[in-house]
C-alpha atoms as a PDB file:
ATOM      1  CA  MET A   1      98.999  88.557 112.799  1.00  0.00           C
ATOM      2  CA  THR A   2     102.721  88.676 112.627  1.00  0.00           C
ATOM      3  CA  LEU A   3     104.853  88.698 115.741  1.00  0.00           C
ATOM      4  CA  GLY A   4     104.624  92.040 117.535  1.00  0.00           C
ATOM      5  CA  GLN A   5     101.588  93.184 115.571  1.00  0.00           C
ATOM      6  CA  VAL A   6      98.272  94.055 117.234  1.00  0.00           C
ATOM      7  CA  ALA A   7      94.830  94.962 115.933  1.00  0.00           C
ATOM      8  CA  SER A   8      94.098  98.643 115.431  1.00  0.00           C
ATOM      9  CA  PRO A   9      93.870 101.016 117.187  1.00  0.00           C
ATOM     10  CA  GLY A  10      96.295  99.131 119.461  1.00  0.00           C
ATOM     11  CA  GLY A  11      96.954 102.039 121.799  1.00  0.00           C
ATOM     12  CA  TRP A  12      97.387 104.696 119.099  1.00  0.00           C
ATOM     13  CA  LYS A  13      95.270 107.835 119.181  1.00  0.00           C
ATOM     14  CA  PRO A  14      95.062 109.636 115.825  1.00  0.00           C
ATOM     15  CA  PRO A  15      95.196 113.442 115.725  1.00  0.00           C
ATOM     16  CA  ALA A  16      91.882 115.312 115.661  1.00  0.00           C
ATOM     17  CA  GLY A  17      90.493 115.829 112.170  1.00  0.00           C
ATOM     18  CA  SER A  18      92.438 112.961 110.617  1.00  0.00           C
ATOM     19  CA  LEU A  19      91.118 109.827 108.959  1.00  0.00           C
ATOM     20  CA  PRO A  20      93.110 107.017 110.605  1.00  0.00           C
ATOM     21  CA  GLY A  21      94.323 104.470 108.111  1.00  0.00           C
ATOM     22  CA  TRP A  22      93.882 106.943 105.241  1.00  0.00           C
ATOM     23  CA  ASN A  23      95.682 110.248 105.856  1.00  0.00           C
ATOM     24  CA  TRP A  24      97.245 109.261 109.187  1.00  0.00           C
ATOM     25  CA  THR A  25      99.012 106.066 110.205  1.00  0.00           C
ATOM     26  CA  PRO A  26     101.468 105.242 112.985  1.00  0.00           C
ATOM     27  CA  PRO A  27     105.120 105.746 111.975  1.00  0.00           C
ATOM     28  CA  GLN A  28     105.576 102.021 111.237  1.00  0.00           C
ATOM     29  CA  GLY A  29     102.524 101.987 108.952  1.00  0.00           C
ATOM     30  CA  VAL A  30      99.524  99.673 108.889  1.00  0.00           C
ATOM     31  CA  ALA A  31      98.528  96.482 107.107  1.00  0.00           C
ATOM     32  CA  PRO A  32      94.807  96.141 106.327  1.00  0.00           C
ATOM     33  CA  ARG A  33      93.383  92.661 106.975  1.00  0.00           C
ATOM     34  CA  LEU A  34      90.784  92.496 104.215  1.00  0.00           C
ATOM     35  CA  ASP A  35      90.716  88.704 104.480  1.00  0.00           C
ATOM     36  CA  LEU A  36      89.058  89.090 107.904  1.00  0.00           C
ATOM     37  CA  ALA A  37      86.745  92.003 107.035  1.00  0.00           C
ATOM     38  CA  PRO A  38      83.131  91.547 105.905  1.00  0.00           C
ATOM     39  CA  ARG A  39      82.602  91.186 102.163  1.00  0.00           C
ATOM     40  CA  TRP A  40      80.783  94.527 101.871  1.00  0.00           C
ATOM     41  CA  VAL A  41      83.763  96.327 103.444  1.00  0.00           C
ATOM     42  CA  ARG A  42      86.140  94.674 100.966  1.00  0.00           C
ATOM     43  CA  ALA A  43      84.029  96.061  98.097  1.00  0.00           C
ATOM     44  CA  TRP A  44      83.869  99.480  99.795  1.00  0.00           C
ATOM     45  CA  TYR A  45      87.671  99.454 100.210  1.00  0.00           C
ATOM     46  CA  TRP A  46      88.115  99.386  96.408  1.00  0.00           C
ATOM     47  CA  THR A  47      85.480 102.063  95.641  1.00  0.00           C
ATOM     48  CA  PRO A  48      87.063 105.317  94.404  1.00  0.00           C
ATOM     49  CA  PHE A  49      86.525 108.409  96.591  1.00  0.00           C
ATOM     50  CA  LEU A  50      84.645 106.403  99.253  1.00  0.00           C
ATOM     51  CA  ASP A  51      87.592 104.152 100.073  1.00  0.00           C
ATOM     52  CA  ARG A  52      88.978 106.641 102.599  1.00  0.00           C
ATOM     53  CA  TYR A  53      85.986 105.963 104.845  1.00  0.00           C
ATOM     54  CA  ALA A  54      86.506 102.221 104.469  1.00  0.00           C
ATOM     55  CA  HIS A  55      90.079 102.667 105.718  1.00  0.00           C
ATOM     56  CA  MET A  56      88.741 104.528 108.733  1.00  0.00           C
ATOM     57  CA  TRP A  57      86.120 101.821 109.372  1.00  0.00           C
ATOM     58  CA  LEU A  58      88.804  99.123 109.185  1.00  0.00           C
ATOM     59  CA  TRP A  59      90.931 101.078 111.683  1.00  0.00           C
ATOM     60  CA  GLU A  60      88.084 101.599 114.146  1.00  0.00           C
ATOM     61  CA  HIS A  61      86.935  97.975 114.019  1.00  0.00           C
ATOM     62  CA  GLY A  62      90.376  96.370 114.419  1.00  0.00           C
ATOM     63  CA  TYR A  63      90.921  95.119 110.879  1.00  0.00           C
ATOM     64  CA  MET A  64      94.377  96.662 110.511  1.00  0.00           C
ATOM     65  CA  GLU A  65      97.614  95.274 111.903  1.00  0.00           C
ATOM     66  CA  ILE A  66      99.951  97.757 113.560  1.00  0.00           C
ATOM     67  CA  GLU A  67     102.930  97.904 115.872  1.00  0.00           C
ATOM     68  CA  PRO A  68     101.948  98.979 119.411  1.00  0.00           C
ATOM     69  CA  PRO A  69     103.264 102.408 120.526  1.00  0.00           C
ATOM     70  CA  SER A  70     105.816 100.879 122.924  1.00  0.00           C
ATOM     71  CA  ALA A  71     107.472  98.775 120.198  1.00  0.00           C
END
């Protein structure tokens, strides 16, 4: 992780009904860490139409780098 970055969700709470990492991200954005994710998730991430759920899985399991809310 780069300096100041933390693993998701890192203190952020997405709005109800959103898919974090897909249609909602913190203002500074996110950086998926596919190099750390399981191989099956990396394949899922590149699958059309299903990839949105992979983004959400990555968010929930801490495989995205984000700035904490206080930064």
